[in-house]
Amino acid sequence: MSERNTKMKYDKVDQQYGLMLGKSKLVFIKTGAAGSIYGYKNKYLELASKIQNERGYAVVISANPVGSPLNLQEELEKVSTYLIDIKEIILIGISRGGLLVLQQGYLNTKVSRILAINWHKTKKGLINFSGAKVQVVFGQYDPSVDYSDLIERLKVLETDCSSQIISKADHNFKGKLDTLKKLVMQFVLED
């Protein structure tokens, strides 16, 4: 582990949540099935640190233990005790986490944008979302890439809804972690 990585840490941590305190906006990242708050090669800790350092936003990484119930509102309520003055929420979900943010993100009025990566077949949340933007990303070799056509058919939505396919990326973005991190940072930092 590099010297830079040894200095990165969450402000609050338990097995379910890694939290970095911040102001005005919350970036809530829900991992894929069996995903931890750290992720492969600390990718979630690195993303959280970068977002917090560059914008000062609060960041929550939420683990996704196998068999755990998916209730986004409950999770947002649990972490809200640490988050004061949060006026906007940016949701990011990977795989099973992407399914969760797309299915339930529209239920929270503070959610302004959703980024779903390698999500699995749902359209209810996309149709009902009234925030500013939804972006769905697929790895070229991920089985869910077959659902990219669904996004194109939903262009009639008032919400800015787009999809992108990342060339030569699989479900876990092996060998493409830098691409994944760059994509998340671009989404979070756009105004």
C-alpha atoms as a PDB file:
ATOM      1  CA  MET A   1       0.000   0.000   0.000  1.00  0.00           C
ATOM      2  CA  SER A   2       1.396   3.387  -0.932  1.00  0.00           C
ATOM      3  CA  GLU A   3       2.031   6.135   1.591  1.00  0.00           C
ATOM      4  CA  ARG A   4      -0.949   8.051   0.165  1.00  0.00           C
ATOM      5  CA  ASN A   5      -3.274   5.113   0.805  1.00  0.00           C
ATOM      6  CA  THR A   6      -2.196   4.693   4.423  1.00  0.00           C
ATOM      7  CA  LYS A   7      -3.384   8.248   5.164  1.00  0.00           C
ATOM      8  CA  MET A   8      -6.837   7.686   3.692  1.00  0.00           C
ATOM      9  CA  LYS A   9      -9.485   6.707   6.201  1.00  0.00           C
ATOM     10  CA  TYR A  10     -13.160   7.090   6.899  1.00  0.00           C
ATOM     11  CA  ASP A  11     -14.269   9.524   9.616  1.00  0.00           C
ATOM     12  CA  LYS A  12     -16.835   7.009  10.868  1.00  0.00           C
ATOM     13  CA  VAL A  13     -16.760   3.331  10.056  1.00  0.00           C
ATOM     14  CA  ASP A  14     -18.566   0.094  10.802  1.00  0.00           C
ATOM     15  CA  GLN A  15     -19.063  -3.013   8.683  1.00  0.00           C
ATOM     16  CA  GLN A  16     -22.020  -1.479   6.839  1.00  0.00           C
ATOM     17  CA  TYR A  17     -20.926   2.141   6.305  1.00  0.00           C
ATOM     18  CA  GLY A  18     -17.785   4.120   5.660  1.00  0.00           C
ATOM     19  CA  LEU A  19     -18.456   7.831   6.121  1.00  0.00           C
ATOM     20  CA  MET A  20     -16.447  10.925   5.298  1.00  0.00           C
ATOM     21  CA  LEU A  21     -18.008  14.059   6.719  1.00  0.00           C
ATOM     22  CA  GLY A  22     -18.671  17.039   4.495  1.00  0.00           C
ATOM     23  CA  LYS A  23     -21.092  19.820   3.644  1.00  0.00           C
ATOM     24  CA  SER A  24     -24.008  20.654   1.345  1.00  0.00           C
ATOM     25  CA  LYS A  25     -24.046  17.477  -0.786  1.00  0.00           C
ATOM     26  CA  LEU A  26     -23.932  13.790   0.037  1.00  0.00           C
ATOM     27  CA  VAL A  27     -22.485  11.286  -2.404  1.00  0.00           C
ATOM     28  CA  PHE A  28     -23.957   7.918  -1.431  1.00  0.00           C
ATOM     29  CA  ILE A  29     -22.287   4.921  -3.082  1.00  0.00           C
ATOM     30  CA  LYS A  30     -23.952   1.510  -2.796  1.00  0.00           C
ATOM     31  CA  THR A  31     -21.622  -1.354  -3.640  1.00  0.00           C
ATOM     32  CA  GLY A  32     -22.447  -4.515  -5.555  1.00  0.00           C
ATOM     33  CA  ALA A  33     -23.501  -7.817  -3.979  1.00  0.00           C
ATOM     34  CA  ALA A  34     -21.001  -8.911  -1.322  1.00  0.00           C
ATOM     35  CA  GLY A  35     -19.196  -5.572  -1.738  1.00  0.00           C
ATOM     36  CA  SER A  36     -17.412  -4.055   1.246  1.00  0.00           C
ATOM     37  CA  ILE A  37     -16.907  -0.397   2.130  1.00  0.00           C
ATOM     38  CA  TYR A  38     -13.351  -0.652   0.834  1.00  0.00           C
ATOM     39  CA  GLY A  39     -13.795  -2.570  -2.411  1.00  0.00           C
ATOM     40  CA  TYR A  40     -11.199  -4.209  -4.600  1.00  0.00           C
ATOM     41  CA  LYS A  41      -7.835  -2.460  -4.127  1.00  0.00           C
ATOM     42  CA  ASN A  42      -9.513   0.152  -1.856  1.00  0.00           C
ATOM     43  CA  LYS A  43     -11.372   1.630  -4.832  1.00  0.00           C
ATOM     44  CA  TYR A  44     -14.266   2.940  -2.718  1.00  0.00           C
ATOM     45  CA  LEU A  45     -12.015   4.441  -0.064  1.00  0.00           C
ATOM     46  CA  GLU A  46      -9.995   6.146  -2.811  1.00  0.00           C
ATOM     47  CA  LEU A  47     -13.134   7.503  -4.483  1.00  0.00           C
ATOM     48  CA  ALA A  48     -14.527   8.772  -1.186  1.00  0.00           C
ATOM     49  CA  SER A  49     -11.230  10.482  -0.331  1.00  0.00           C
ATOM     50  CA  LYS A  50     -10.973  12.103  -3.739  1.00  0.00           C
ATOM     51  CA  ILE A  51     -14.559  13.385  -3.694  1.00  0.00           C
ATOM     52  CA  GLN A  52     -14.190  14.712  -0.156  1.00  0.00           C
ATOM     53  CA  ASN A  53     -10.825  16.366  -0.892  1.00  0.00           C
ATOM     54  CA  GLU A  54     -11.884  17.956  -4.192  1.00  0.00           C
ATOM     55  CA  ARG A  55     -15.357  19.201  -3.244  1.00  0.00           C
ATOM     56  CA  GLY A  56     -15.780  18.820   0.500  1.00  0.00           C
ATOM     57  CA  TYR A  57     -18.939  16.766   0.028  1.00  0.00           C
ATOM     58  CA  ALA A  58     -19.970  14.149   2.548  1.00  0.00           C
ATOM     59  CA  VAL A  59     -19.470  10.624   1.211  1.00  0.00           C
ATOM     60  CA  VAL A  60     -21.028   7.383   2.395  1.00  0.00           C
ATOM     61  CA  ILE A  61     -19.960   4.009   1.072  1.00  0.00           C
ATOM     62  CA  SER A  62     -22.567   1.377   1.895  1.00  0.00           C
ATOM     63  CA  ALA A  63     -21.613  -2.307   1.910  1.00  0.00           C
ATOM     64  CA  ASN A  64     -23.929  -4.839   0.323  1.00  0.00           C
ATOM     65  CA  PRO A  65     -23.675  -8.140   2.238  1.00  0.00           C
ATOM     66  CA  VAL A  66     -25.078 -11.205   0.496  1.00  0.00           C
ATOM     67  CA  GLY A  67     -28.745 -11.640   1.338  1.00  0.00           C
ATOM     68  CA  SER A  68     -29.112  -8.197   2.913  1.00  0.00           C
ATOM     69  CA  PRO A  69     -32.409  -6.382   2.404  1.00  0.00           C
ATOM     70  CA  LEU A  70     -32.351  -3.465   0.001  1.00  0.00           C
ATOM     71  CA  ASN A  71     -33.952  -0.404   1.602  1.00  0.00           C
ATOM     72  CA  LEU A  72     -32.333   2.829   0.468  1.00  0.00           C
ATOM     73  CA  GLN A  73     -34.554   5.112   2.568  1.00  0.00           C
ATOM     74  CA  GLU A  74     -33.687   3.189   5.720  1.00  0.00           C
ATOM     75  CA  GLU A  75     -29.987   3.436   4.914  1.00  0.00           C
ATOM     76  CA  LEU A  76     -30.166   7.171   4.252  1.00  0.00           C
ATOM     77  CA  GLU A  77     -31.994   7.660   7.562  1.00  0.00           C
ATOM     78  CA  LYS A  78     -29.339   5.678   9.471  1.00  0.00           C
ATOM     79  CA  VAL A  79     -26.466   7.800   8.169  1.00  0.00           C
ATOM     80  CA  SER A  80     -28.355  11.116   8.365  1.00  0.00           C
ATOM     81  CA  THR A  81     -27.531  11.544  12.063  1.00  0.00           C
ATOM     82  CA  TYR A  82     -23.941  12.294  11.006  1.00  0.00           C
ATOM     83  CA  LEU A  83     -24.902  14.542   8.108  1.00  0.00           C
ATOM     84  CA  ILE A  84     -25.929  18.084   8.948  1.00  0.00           C
ATOM     85  CA  ASP A  85     -27.041  20.601   6.330  1.00  0.00           C
ATOM     86  CA  ILE A  86     -27.175  18.118   3.450  1.00  0.00           C
ATOM     87  CA  LYS A  87     -29.356  19.707   0.796  1.00  0.00           C
ATOM     88  CA  GLU A  88     -28.684  17.382  -2.135  1.00  0.00           C
ATOM     89  CA  ILE A  89     -27.903  13.691  -2.592  1.00  0.00           C
ATOM     90  CA  ILE A  90     -26.021  12.132  -5.502  1.00  0.00           C
ATOM     91  CA  LEU A  91     -26.591   8.371  -5.678  1.00  0.00           C
ATOM     92  CA  ILE A  92     -24.112   5.974  -7.224  1.00  0.00           C
ATOM     93  CA  GLY A  93     -24.754   2.252  -7.376  1.00  0.00           C
ATOM     94  CA  ILE A  94     -22.705  -0.588  -8.731  1.00  0.00           C
ATOM     95  CA  SER A  95     -24.405  -3.819  -9.925  1.00  0.00           C
ATOM     96  CA  ARG A  96     -26.884  -4.772  -7.169  1.00  0.00           C
ATOM     97  CA  GLY A  97     -26.317  -1.293  -5.730  1.00  0.00           C
ATOM     98  CA  GLY A  98     -27.193   0.164  -9.128  1.00  0.00           C
ATOM     99  CA  LEU A  99     -30.454  -1.737  -9.052  1.00  0.00           C
ATOM    100  CA  LEU A 100     -31.210  -0.287  -5.614  1.00  0.00           C
ATOM    101  CA  VAL A 101     -30.525   3.344  -6.530  1.00  0.00           C
ATOM    102  CA  LEU A 102     -32.550   3.071  -9.740  1.00  0.00           C
ATOM    103  CA  GLN A 103     -35.499   1.349  -8.060  1.00  0.00           C
ATOM    104  CA  GLN A 104     -35.691   3.526  -4.942  1.00  0.00           C
ATOM    105  CA  GLY A 105     -33.753   6.750  -5.562  1.00  0.00           C
ATOM    106  CA  TYR A 106     -36.808   8.616  -6.780  1.00  0.00           C
ATOM    107  CA  LEU A 107     -38.444   8.188  -3.339  1.00  0.00           C
ATOM    108  CA  ASN A 108     -36.119  10.753  -1.722  1.00  0.00           C
ATOM    109  CA  THR A 109     -36.702  14.337  -2.848  1.00  0.00           C
ATOM    110  CA  LYS A 110     -33.113  15.355  -2.034  1.00  0.00           C
ATOM    111  CA  VAL A 111     -31.748  13.012  -4.731  1.00  0.00           C
ATOM    112  CA  SER A 112     -30.701  15.129  -7.700  1.00  0.00           C
ATOM    113  CA  ARG A 113     -28.648  12.686  -9.768  1.00  0.00           C
ATOM    114  CA  ILE A 114     -28.164   8.933 -10.121  1.00  0.00           C
ATOM    115  CA  LEU A 115     -25.254   7.027 -11.645  1.00  0.00           C
ATOM    116  CA  ALA A 116     -25.851   3.273 -12.043  1.00  0.00           C
ATOM    117  CA  ILE A 117     -22.997   1.035 -13.154  1.00  0.00           C
ATOM    118  CA  ASN A 118     -23.685  -2.486 -14.497  1.00  0.00           C
ATOM    119  CA  TRP A 119     -27.212  -2.402 -13.090  1.00  0.00           C
ATOM    120  CA  HIS A 120     -29.826  -5.056 -13.712  1.00  0.00           C
ATOM    121  CA  LYS A 121     -33.174  -4.594 -15.500  1.00  0.00           C
ATOM    122  CA  THR A 122     -35.463  -2.078 -13.881  1.00  0.00           C
ATOM    123  CA  LYS A 123     -37.345   0.825 -15.319  1.00  0.00           C
ATOM    124  CA  LYS A 124     -39.796   1.845 -12.586  1.00  0.00           C
ATOM    125  CA  GLY A 125     -37.281   4.088 -10.854  1.00  0.00           C
ATOM    126  CA  LEU A 126     -36.141   5.636 -14.113  1.00  0.00           C
ATOM    127  CA  ILE A 127     -39.690   6.483 -15.101  1.00  0.00           C
ATOM    128  CA  ASN A 128     -40.544   7.949 -11.677  1.00  0.00           C
ATOM    129  CA  PHE A 129     -37.307   9.865 -11.021  1.00  0.00           C
ATOM    130  CA  SER A 130     -37.798  13.632 -11.098  1.00  0.00           C
ATOM    131  CA  GLY A 131     -34.222  14.710 -10.359  1.00  0.00           C
ATOM    132  CA  ALA A 132     -31.887  16.348 -12.822  1.00  0.00           C
ATOM    133  CA  LYS A 133     -29.895  13.452 -14.263  1.00  0.00           C
ATOM    134  CA  VAL A 134     -29.585   9.684 -14.528  1.00  0.00           C
ATOM    135  CA  GLN A 135     -26.574   8.090 -16.178  1.00  0.00           C
ATOM    136  CA  VAL A 136     -26.296   4.353 -16.642  1.00  0.00           C
ATOM    137  CA  VAL A 137     -22.938   2.779 -17.434  1.00  0.00           C
ATOM    138  CA  PHE A 138     -22.275  -0.723 -18.681  1.00  0.00           C
ATOM    139  CA  GLY A 139     -19.079  -2.674 -19.145  1.00  0.00           C
ATOM    140  CA  GLN A 140     -18.899  -4.037 -22.687  1.00  0.00           C
ATOM    141  CA  TYR A 141     -18.490  -7.586 -21.351  1.00  0.00           C
ATOM    142  CA  ASP A 142     -21.047  -7.340 -18.543  1.00  0.00           C
ATOM    143  CA  PRO A 143     -24.247  -9.361 -19.099  1.00  0.00           C
ATOM    144  CA  SER A 144     -26.357  -6.309 -18.225  1.00  0.00           C
ATOM    145  CA  VAL A 145     -25.099  -4.475 -21.342  1.00  0.00           C
ATOM    146  CA  ASP A 146     -28.089  -6.022 -23.112  1.00  0.00           C
ATOM    147  CA  TYR A 147     -30.291  -3.560 -21.166  1.00  0.00           C
ATOM    148  CA  SER A 148     -28.575  -0.493 -22.614  1.00  0.00           C
ATOM    149  CA  ASP A 149     -31.309  -0.327 -25.274  1.00  0.00           C
ATOM    150  CA  LEU A 150     -33.856   0.293 -22.522  1.00  0.00           C
ATOM    151  CA  ILE A 151     -32.199   3.627 -21.724  1.00  0.00           C
ATOM    152  CA  GLU A 152     -32.433   4.716 -25.341  1.00  0.00           C
ATOM    153  CA  ARG A 153     -36.160   3.947 -25.329  1.00  0.00           C
ATOM    154  CA  LEU A 154     -36.617   6.128 -22.231  1.00  0.00           C
ATOM    155  CA  LYS A 155     -35.339   9.303 -23.896  1.00  0.00           C
ATOM    156  CA  VAL A 156     -38.861  10.711 -23.601  1.00  0.00           C
ATOM    157  CA  LEU A 157     -38.312  11.330 -19.886  1.00  0.00           C
ATOM    158  CA  GLU A 158     -38.009  14.889 -18.636  1.00  0.00           C
ATOM    159  CA  THR A 159     -34.935  13.837 -16.671  1.00  0.00           C
ATOM    160  CA  ASP A 160     -31.600  13.906 -18.498  1.00  0.00           C
ATOM    161  CA  CYS A 161     -31.160  10.156 -18.966  1.00  0.00           C
ATOM    162  CA  SER A 162     -28.179   8.677 -20.790  1.00  0.00           C
ATOM    163  CA  SER A 163     -26.191   5.481 -21.091  1.00  0.00           C
ATOM    164  CA  GLN A 164     -22.590   4.688 -21.854  1.00  0.00           C
ATOM    165  CA  ILE A 165     -20.766   1.445 -22.636  1.00  0.00           C
ATOM    166  CA  ILE A 166     -17.169   1.177 -21.468  1.00  0.00           C
ATOM    167  CA  SER A 167     -15.071  -0.698 -24.002  1.00  0.00           C
ATOM    168  CA  LYS A 168     -13.385  -3.908 -22.830  1.00  0.00           C
ATOM    169  CA  ALA A 169     -14.778  -3.597 -19.280  1.00  0.00           C
ATOM    170  CA  ASP A 170     -16.255  -6.587 -17.472  1.00  0.00           C
ATOM    171  CA  HIS A 171     -18.653  -6.601 -14.526  1.00  0.00           C
ATOM    172  CA  ASN A 172     -15.911  -5.769 -12.017  1.00  0.00           C
ATOM    173  CA  PHE A 173     -13.995  -3.376 -14.294  1.00  0.00           C
ATOM    174  CA  LYS A 174     -10.879  -5.549 -13.906  1.00  0.00           C
ATOM    175  CA  GLY A 175      -8.016  -3.733 -15.534  1.00  0.00           C
ATOM    176  CA  LYS A 176     -10.293  -0.693 -15.925  1.00  0.00           C
ATOM    177  CA  LEU A 177     -10.447   0.593 -12.328  1.00  0.00           C
ATOM    178  CA  ASP A 178      -8.920   3.915 -13.366  1.00  0.00           C
ATOM    179  CA  THR A 179     -11.661   4.303 -15.986  1.00  0.00           C
ATOM    180  CA  LEU A 180     -14.311   3.554 -13.357  1.00  0.00           C
ATOM    181  CA  LYS A 181     -12.850   6.081 -10.901  1.00  0.00           C
ATOM    182  CA  LYS A 182     -12.580   8.749 -13.595  1.00  0.00           C
ATOM    183  CA  LEU A 183     -16.176   8.163 -14.671  1.00  0.00           C
ATOM    184  CA  VAL A 184     -17.482   8.472 -11.094  1.00  0.00           C
ATOM    185  CA  MET A 185     -15.430  11.631 -10.466  1.00  0.00           C
ATOM    186  CA  GLN A 186     -16.700  13.273 -13.673  1.00  0.00           C
ATOM    187  CA  PHE A 187     -20.281  12.513 -12.679  1.00  0.00           C
ATOM    188  CA  VAL A 188     -19.888  13.783  -9.117  1.00  0.00           C
ATOM    189  CA  LEU A 189     -17.969  16.937 -10.006  1.00  0.00           C
ATOM    190  CA  GLU A 190     -20.190  18.196 -12.817  1.00  0.00           C
ATOM    191  CA  ASP A 191     -22.393  21.098 -11.801  1.00  0.00           C
END
